[in-house]
Amino acid sequence: MAVVHVAVGVILDTERNILITRRAPDAHQGDLWEFPGGKVEADESLSQALARELREELGIAIGRTTELLQIRHDYGDKTVLLDVHVVWEFSGAAQPLEGQPMAWVAACELGDYAFPAANEPIVKAITRLLPT
């Protein structure tokens, strides 16, 4: 089974709230909340993929980022490799350009949202990174 390589952004606003979006109902792991991002194409680097996905999904241009963690998760029908980066700075106003529900939430509120299993380590890492 092929591994789907995904660039993921944990986007922070100036108050350190985190941007999450909800997956489309017909998508894999549909109707669950996630951290924005998408597939890394064969001809692009991880940073190029992250910049492209966040521009396409949210209309923002990323500035300073740092690596957070890498997660490999097998869903049974699909294996994903998530390369997760914290987006500390961006320009533009984030908007749900694909019609997806979107929310800015404090790190301590992430537990109130249902995420795909592969995203649970991200929630834990953010909670450690941004203690309340």
N, C-alpha and C. Protein backbone atom coordinates (compact mmCIF):
# COMPACT_ATOMS: atom_id res chain seq x y z
N MET A 1 0.84 -1.19 0.00
CA MET A 1 0.00 0.00 0.00
C MET A 1 0.89 1.25 0.00
N ALA A 2 0.57 2.17 -0.87
CA ALA A 2 1.34 3.40 -0.97
C ALA A 2 1.07 4.28 0.25
N VAL A 3 2.08 5.03 0.62
CA VAL A 3 1.96 5.98 1.73
C VAL A 3 1.65 7.35 1.15
N VAL A 4 0.63 8.01 1.70
CA VAL A 4 0.26 9.35 1.27
C VAL A 4 1.03 10.35 2.15
N HIS A 5 1.94 11.10 1.51
CA HIS A 5 2.75 12.08 2.23
C HIS A 5 1.98 13.40 2.29
N VAL A 6 1.77 13.92 3.49
CA VAL A 6 0.95 15.10 3.70
C VAL A 6 1.73 16.16 4.46
N ALA A 7 1.68 17.39 3.94
CA ALA A 7 2.25 18.55 4.64
C ALA A 7 1.13 19.17 5.46
N VAL A 8 1.37 19.35 6.76
CA VAL A 8 0.34 19.84 7.68
C VAL A 8 0.85 21.10 8.37
N GLY A 9 -0.03 22.11 8.46
CA GLY A 9 0.33 23.35 9.13
C GLY A 9 -0.50 23.57 10.39
N VAL A 10 0.20 23.79 11.50
CA VAL A 10 -0.45 24.23 12.73
C VAL A 10 -0.28 25.75 12.72
N ILE A 11 -1.33 26.44 12.30
CA ILE A 11 -1.27 27.87 12.05
C ILE A 11 -1.70 28.63 13.30
N LEU A 12 -0.84 29.56 13.73
CA LEU A 12 -1.11 30.34 14.94
C LEU A 12 -1.39 31.79 14.58
N ASP A 13 -2.38 32.37 15.26
CA ASP A 13 -2.61 33.80 15.09
C ASP A 13 -1.80 34.55 16.16
N THR A 14 -1.95 35.84 16.23
CA THR A 14 -1.14 36.64 17.15
C THR A 14 -1.44 36.34 18.62
N GLU A 15 -2.62 35.78 18.91
CA GLU A 15 -2.96 35.40 20.29
C GLU A 15 -2.64 33.94 20.57
N ARG A 16 -1.99 33.28 19.61
CA ARG A 16 -1.62 31.87 19.71
C ARG A 16 -2.82 30.93 19.65
N ASN A 17 -3.92 31.39 19.04
CA ASN A 17 -5.02 30.49 18.73
C ASN A 17 -4.62 29.68 17.50
N ILE A 18 -5.21 28.51 17.34
CA ILE A 18 -4.84 27.57 16.29
C ILE A 18 -5.98 27.43 15.31
N LEU A 19 -5.64 27.45 14.03
CA LEU A 19 -6.65 27.33 12.97
C LEU A 19 -6.91 25.85 12.68
N ILE A 20 -8.18 25.46 12.76
CA ILE A 20 -8.57 24.10 12.35
C ILE A 20 -9.70 24.21 11.34
N THR A 21 -9.80 23.21 10.50
CA THR A 21 -10.86 23.15 9.50
C THR A 21 -11.51 21.77 9.56
N ARG A 22 -12.74 21.69 9.05
CA ARG A 22 -13.44 20.40 9.07
C ARG A 22 -13.44 19.79 7.68
N ARG A 23 -13.13 18.49 7.65
CA ARG A 23 -13.08 17.75 6.39
C ARG A 23 -14.47 17.61 5.79
N ALA A 24 -14.52 17.58 4.47
CA ALA A 24 -15.79 17.40 3.77
C ALA A 24 -16.39 16.05 4.15
N PRO A 25 -17.71 15.95 4.20
CA PRO A 25 -18.36 14.69 4.59
C PRO A 25 -17.96 13.50 3.72
N ASP A 26 -17.69 13.74 2.44
CA ASP A 26 -17.38 12.62 1.53
C ASP A 26 -15.88 12.33 1.44
N ALA A 27 -15.05 13.05 2.20
CA ALA A 27 -13.60 12.82 2.19
C ALA A 27 -13.24 11.68 3.14
N HIS A 28 -12.03 11.13 2.97
CA HIS A 28 -11.51 10.14 3.92
C HIS A 28 -11.49 10.81 5.30
N GLN A 29 -12.02 10.14 6.31
CA GLN A 29 -12.14 10.70 7.65
C GLN A 29 -13.03 11.95 7.64
N GLY A 30 -14.06 11.93 6.81
CA GLY A 30 -14.95 13.06 6.62
C GLY A 30 -15.65 13.51 7.88
N ASP A 31 -15.96 14.80 7.92
CA ASP A 31 -16.65 15.48 9.01
C ASP A 31 -15.82 15.61 10.29
N LEU A 32 -14.57 15.18 10.27
CA LEU A 32 -13.71 15.38 11.43
C LEU A 32 -12.89 16.66 11.22
N TRP A 33 -12.46 17.25 12.32
CA TRP A 33 -11.65 18.46 12.26
C TRP A 33 -10.21 18.07 11.98
N GLU A 34 -9.45 18.99 11.40
CA GLU A 34 -8.05 18.72 11.07
C GLU A 34 -7.25 20.01 11.07
N PHE A 35 -5.96 19.84 10.98
CA PHE A 35 -5.05 20.96 10.79
C PHE A 35 -4.83 21.06 9.29
N PRO A 36 -4.93 22.25 8.70
CA PRO A 36 -4.89 22.39 7.25
C PRO A 36 -3.59 21.88 6.62
N GLY A 37 -3.72 21.46 5.39
CA GLY A 37 -2.57 20.97 4.63
C GLY A 37 -3.05 20.05 3.53
N GLY A 38 -2.14 19.30 2.95
CA GLY A 38 -2.51 18.39 1.89
C GLY A 38 -1.33 17.63 1.35
N LYS A 39 -1.59 16.85 0.32
CA LYS A 39 -0.60 15.95 -0.26
C LYS A 39 0.60 16.69 -0.82
N VAL A 40 1.76 16.10 -0.60
CA VAL A 40 3.00 16.58 -1.21
C VAL A 40 3.07 15.93 -2.59
N GLU A 41 3.10 16.75 -3.62
CA GLU A 41 3.18 16.22 -4.99
C GLU A 41 4.60 15.78 -5.29
N ALA A 42 4.75 14.91 -6.29
CA ALA A 42 6.04 14.31 -6.62
C ALA A 42 7.11 15.34 -6.97
N ASP A 43 6.72 16.45 -7.54
CA ASP A 43 7.68 17.45 -8.02
C ASP A 43 7.91 18.61 -7.05
N GLU A 44 7.49 18.48 -5.80
CA GLU A 44 7.65 19.61 -4.88
C GLU A 44 8.25 19.18 -3.55
N SER A 45 8.90 20.14 -2.92
CA SER A 45 9.46 19.92 -1.58
C SER A 45 8.33 20.02 -0.56
N LEU A 46 8.63 19.62 0.65
CA LEU A 46 7.66 19.73 1.73
C LEU A 46 7.25 21.18 1.95
N SER A 47 8.21 22.10 1.98
CA SER A 47 7.87 23.51 2.21
C SER A 47 7.05 24.07 1.05
N GLN A 48 7.35 23.66 -0.17
CA GLN A 48 6.55 24.11 -1.31
C GLN A 48 5.12 23.59 -1.20
N ALA A 49 4.97 22.33 -0.81
CA ALA A 49 3.64 21.74 -0.67
C ALA A 49 2.83 22.45 0.41
N LEU A 50 3.47 22.73 1.55
CA LEU A 50 2.77 23.41 2.63
C LEU A 50 2.32 24.80 2.19
N ALA A 51 3.22 25.53 1.54
CA ALA A 51 2.88 26.87 1.06
C ALA A 51 1.74 26.81 0.05
N ARG A 52 1.79 25.87 -0.89
CA ARG A 52 0.74 25.75 -1.91
C ARG A 52 -0.60 25.39 -1.29
N GLU A 53 -0.61 24.39 -0.43
CA GLU A 53 -1.86 23.94 0.18
C GLU A 53 -2.52 25.05 1.01
N LEU A 54 -1.74 25.77 1.79
CA LEU A 54 -2.33 26.81 2.64
C LEU A 54 -2.78 28.01 1.81
N ARG A 55 -2.11 28.26 0.71
CA ARG A 55 -2.56 29.32 -0.21
C ARG A 55 -3.88 28.90 -0.87
N GLU A 56 -3.96 27.65 -1.34
CA GLU A 56 -5.17 27.16 -2.02
C GLU A 56 -6.36 27.04 -1.08
N GLU A 57 -6.12 26.52 0.13
CA GLU A 57 -7.22 26.27 1.07
C GLU A 57 -7.66 27.51 1.83
N LEU A 58 -6.70 28.39 2.15
CA LEU A 58 -6.98 29.48 3.09
C LEU A 58 -6.63 30.87 2.57
N GLY A 59 -5.90 30.95 1.47
CA GLY A 59 -5.52 32.25 0.92
C GLY A 59 -4.44 32.96 1.70
N ILE A 60 -3.61 32.22 2.41
CA ILE A 60 -2.53 32.85 3.17
C ILE A 60 -1.17 32.48 2.59
N ALA A 61 -0.21 33.34 2.84
CA ALA A 61 1.19 33.08 2.48
C ALA A 61 1.95 32.85 3.78
N ILE A 62 2.64 31.72 3.87
CA ILE A 62 3.32 31.41 5.12
C ILE A 62 4.64 32.14 5.23
N GLY A 63 4.97 32.49 6.47
CA GLY A 63 6.25 33.11 6.80
C GLY A 63 7.09 32.10 7.56
N ARG A 64 7.44 32.44 8.80
CA ARG A 64 8.31 31.57 9.60
C ARG A 64 7.56 30.31 10.05
N THR A 65 8.21 29.16 9.85
CA THR A 65 7.67 27.88 10.30
C THR A 65 8.77 27.10 11.01
N THR A 66 8.37 26.18 11.86
CA THR A 66 9.31 25.24 12.48
C THR A 66 8.69 23.85 12.46
N GLU A 67 9.55 22.84 12.39
CA GLU A 67 9.07 21.45 12.44
C GLU A 67 8.48 21.18 13.81
N LEU A 68 7.37 20.43 13.82
CA LEU A 68 6.76 20.02 15.09
C LEU A 68 6.96 18.52 15.30
N LEU A 69 6.51 17.72 14.36
CA LEU A 69 6.69 16.28 14.44
C LEU A 69 6.32 15.63 13.12
N GLN A 70 6.65 14.35 13.01
CA GLN A 70 6.29 13.54 11.85
C GLN A 70 5.52 12.33 12.38
N ILE A 71 4.41 12.02 11.72
CA ILE A 71 3.54 10.93 12.18
C ILE A 71 3.27 10.00 11.01
N ARG A 72 3.43 8.72 11.25
CA ARG A 72 3.03 7.70 10.27
C ARG A 72 1.85 6.96 10.90
N HIS A 73 0.73 6.89 10.17
CA HIS A 73 -0.47 6.25 10.72
C HIS A 73 -1.13 5.38 9.65
N ASP A 74 -1.48 4.16 10.03
CA ASP A 74 -2.14 3.22 9.13
C ASP A 74 -3.62 3.16 9.51
N TYR A 75 -4.48 3.60 8.58
CA TYR A 75 -5.92 3.56 8.80
C TYR A 75 -6.53 2.23 8.35
N GLY A 76 -5.72 1.33 7.81
CA GLY A 76 -6.25 0.08 7.28
C GLY A 76 -6.46 0.19 5.78
N ASP A 77 -7.20 1.21 5.36
CA ASP A 77 -7.44 1.43 3.93
C ASP A 77 -6.45 2.41 3.33
N LYS A 78 -5.67 3.09 4.19
CA LYS A 78 -4.74 4.11 3.72
C LYS A 78 -3.70 4.36 4.81
N THR A 79 -2.45 4.54 4.39
CA THR A 79 -1.39 4.91 5.32
C THR A 79 -0.96 6.33 4.99
N VAL A 80 -0.85 7.16 6.03
CA VAL A 80 -0.44 8.55 5.83
C VAL A 80 0.86 8.82 6.57
N LEU A 81 1.65 9.70 6.00
CA LEU A 81 2.84 10.23 6.65
C LEU A 81 2.63 11.73 6.75
N LEU A 82 2.42 12.20 7.97
CA LEU A 82 2.14 13.61 8.20
C LEU A 82 3.42 14.32 8.62
N ASP A 83 3.83 15.31 7.85
CA ASP A 83 4.95 16.18 8.21
C ASP A 83 4.34 17.47 8.72
N VAL A 84 4.42 17.67 10.03
CA VAL A 84 3.71 18.77 10.69
C VAL A 84 4.65 19.91 11.04
N HIS A 85 4.27 21.11 10.64
CA HIS A 85 5.04 22.31 10.93
C HIS A 85 4.15 23.35 11.62
N VAL A 86 4.72 24.06 12.57
CA VAL A 86 4.03 25.19 13.19
C VAL A 86 4.26 26.39 12.29
N VAL A 87 3.18 27.08 11.93
CA VAL A 87 3.26 28.30 11.14
C VAL A 87 3.11 29.46 12.12
N TRP A 88 4.26 30.06 12.46
CA TRP A 88 4.30 31.13 13.45
C TRP A 88 3.90 32.47 12.85
N GLU A 89 4.15 32.63 11.55
CA GLU A 89 3.86 33.90 10.88
C GLU A 89 3.27 33.62 9.51
N PHE A 90 2.28 34.41 9.14
CA PHE A 90 1.69 34.32 7.80
C PHE A 90 1.14 35.69 7.42
N SER A 91 0.92 35.88 6.13
CA SER A 91 0.30 37.11 5.68
C SER A 91 -1.00 36.78 4.97
N GLY A 92 -1.92 37.73 4.99
CA GLY A 92 -3.24 37.52 4.44
C GLY A 92 -4.21 37.15 5.54
N ALA A 93 -5.50 37.22 5.23
CA ALA A 93 -6.54 36.85 6.18
C ALA A 93 -7.04 35.46 5.82
N ALA A 94 -6.88 34.51 6.72
CA ALA A 94 -7.30 33.13 6.46
C ALA A 94 -8.80 33.08 6.21
N GLN A 95 -9.16 32.46 5.09
CA GLN A 95 -10.56 32.29 4.72
C GLN A 95 -10.76 30.88 4.21
N PRO A 96 -11.93 30.28 4.43
CA PRO A 96 -12.18 28.91 3.97
C PRO A 96 -12.51 28.89 2.47
N LEU A 97 -11.48 28.91 1.63
CA LEU A 97 -11.67 29.06 0.19
C LEU A 97 -12.33 27.84 -0.47
N GLU A 98 -12.36 26.71 0.23
CA GLU A 98 -13.00 25.51 -0.32
C GLU A 98 -14.36 25.26 0.35
N GLY A 99 -14.88 26.28 1.04
CA GLY A 99 -16.18 26.16 1.68
C GLY A 99 -16.18 25.34 2.96
N GLN A 100 -15.01 25.01 3.47
CA GLN A 100 -14.90 24.17 4.66
C GLN A 100 -15.17 24.98 5.93
N PRO A 101 -15.84 24.37 6.92
CA PRO A 101 -15.96 25.05 8.21
C PRO A 101 -14.57 25.29 8.78
N MET A 102 -14.40 26.41 9.48
CA MET A 102 -13.10 26.82 9.98
C MET A 102 -13.28 27.44 11.35
N ALA A 103 -12.31 27.24 12.24
CA ALA A 103 -12.39 27.83 13.58
C ALA A 103 -10.99 28.13 14.09
N TRP A 104 -10.88 29.22 14.85
CA TRP A 104 -9.66 29.54 15.58
C TRP A 104 -9.92 29.12 17.02
N VAL A 105 -9.09 28.24 17.58
CA VAL A 105 -9.33 27.74 18.93
C VAL A 105 -8.04 27.81 19.76
N ALA A 106 -8.22 27.97 21.05
CA ALA A 106 -7.08 27.92 21.97
C ALA A 106 -6.61 26.47 22.10
N ALA A 107 -5.34 26.28 22.40
CA ALA A 107 -4.79 24.92 22.53
C ALA A 107 -5.59 24.10 23.54
N CYS A 108 -6.01 24.73 24.63
CA CYS A 108 -6.75 24.00 25.66
C CYS A 108 -8.14 23.57 25.20
N GLU A 109 -8.63 24.10 24.09
CA GLU A 109 -9.96 23.75 23.56
C GLU A 109 -9.91 22.67 22.49
N LEU A 110 -8.72 22.26 22.06
CA LEU A 110 -8.62 21.28 20.97
C LEU A 110 -9.31 19.96 21.33
N GLY A 111 -9.31 19.60 22.61
CA GLY A 111 -9.96 18.37 23.05
C GLY A 111 -11.47 18.37 22.85
N ASP A 112 -12.05 19.53 22.59
CA ASP A 112 -13.49 19.63 22.36
C ASP A 112 -13.88 19.27 20.93
N TYR A 113 -12.89 19.01 20.08
CA TYR A 113 -13.14 18.74 18.66
C TYR A 113 -12.72 17.31 18.32
N ALA A 114 -13.47 16.67 17.41
CA ALA A 114 -13.14 15.31 16.97
C ALA A 114 -12.17 15.38 15.79
N PHE A 115 -11.00 14.75 15.95
CA PHE A 115 -9.96 14.72 14.93
C PHE A 115 -9.74 13.29 14.45
N PRO A 116 -9.20 13.11 13.22
CA PRO A 116 -8.79 11.77 12.80
C PRO A 116 -7.72 11.24 13.76
N ALA A 117 -7.62 9.93 13.87
CA ALA A 117 -6.65 9.32 14.79
C ALA A 117 -5.23 9.81 14.55
N ALA A 118 -4.84 10.01 13.30
CA ALA A 118 -3.48 10.45 12.98
C ALA A 118 -3.18 11.84 13.53
N ASN A 119 -4.21 12.62 13.82
CA ASN A 119 -4.02 13.99 14.32
C ASN A 119 -3.88 14.06 15.84
N GLU A 120 -4.19 12.98 16.54
CA GLU A 120 -4.13 13.02 18.01
C GLU A 120 -2.74 13.37 18.54
N PRO A 121 -1.64 12.82 17.95
CA PRO A 121 -0.31 13.24 18.43
C PRO A 121 -0.04 14.73 18.20
N ILE A 122 -0.66 15.31 17.17
CA ILE A 122 -0.49 16.74 16.92
C ILE A 122 -1.14 17.53 18.06
N VAL A 123 -2.35 17.14 18.44
CA VAL A 123 -3.05 17.81 19.54
C VAL A 123 -2.19 17.75 20.80
N LYS A 124 -1.62 16.59 21.11
CA LYS A 124 -0.78 16.45 22.31
C LYS A 124 0.46 17.33 22.22
N ALA A 125 1.10 17.36 21.05
CA ALA A 125 2.31 18.16 20.87
C ALA A 125 2.01 19.65 21.01
N ILE A 126 0.88 20.09 20.48
CA ILE A 126 0.51 21.51 20.57
C ILE A 126 0.24 21.89 22.02
N THR A 127 -0.42 21.00 22.75
CA THR A 127 -0.74 21.27 24.15
C THR A 127 0.54 21.43 24.96
N ARG A 128 1.58 20.65 24.63
CA ARG A 128 2.88 20.79 25.31
C ARG A 128 3.59 22.07 24.88
N LEU A 129 3.46 22.39 23.58
CA LEU A 129 4.14 23.57 23.03
C LEU A 129 3.53 24.87 23.54
N LEU A 130 2.21 24.88 23.66
CA LEU A 130 1.47 26.10 24.03
C LEU A 130 0.67 25.87 25.31
N PRO A 131 1.32 25.66 26.42
CA PRO A 131 0.57 25.42 27.66
C PRO A 131 -0.26 26.65 28.04
N THR A 132 -1.39 26.38 28.69
CA THR A 132 -2.25 27.50 29.06
C THR A 132 -1.95 27.98 30.47
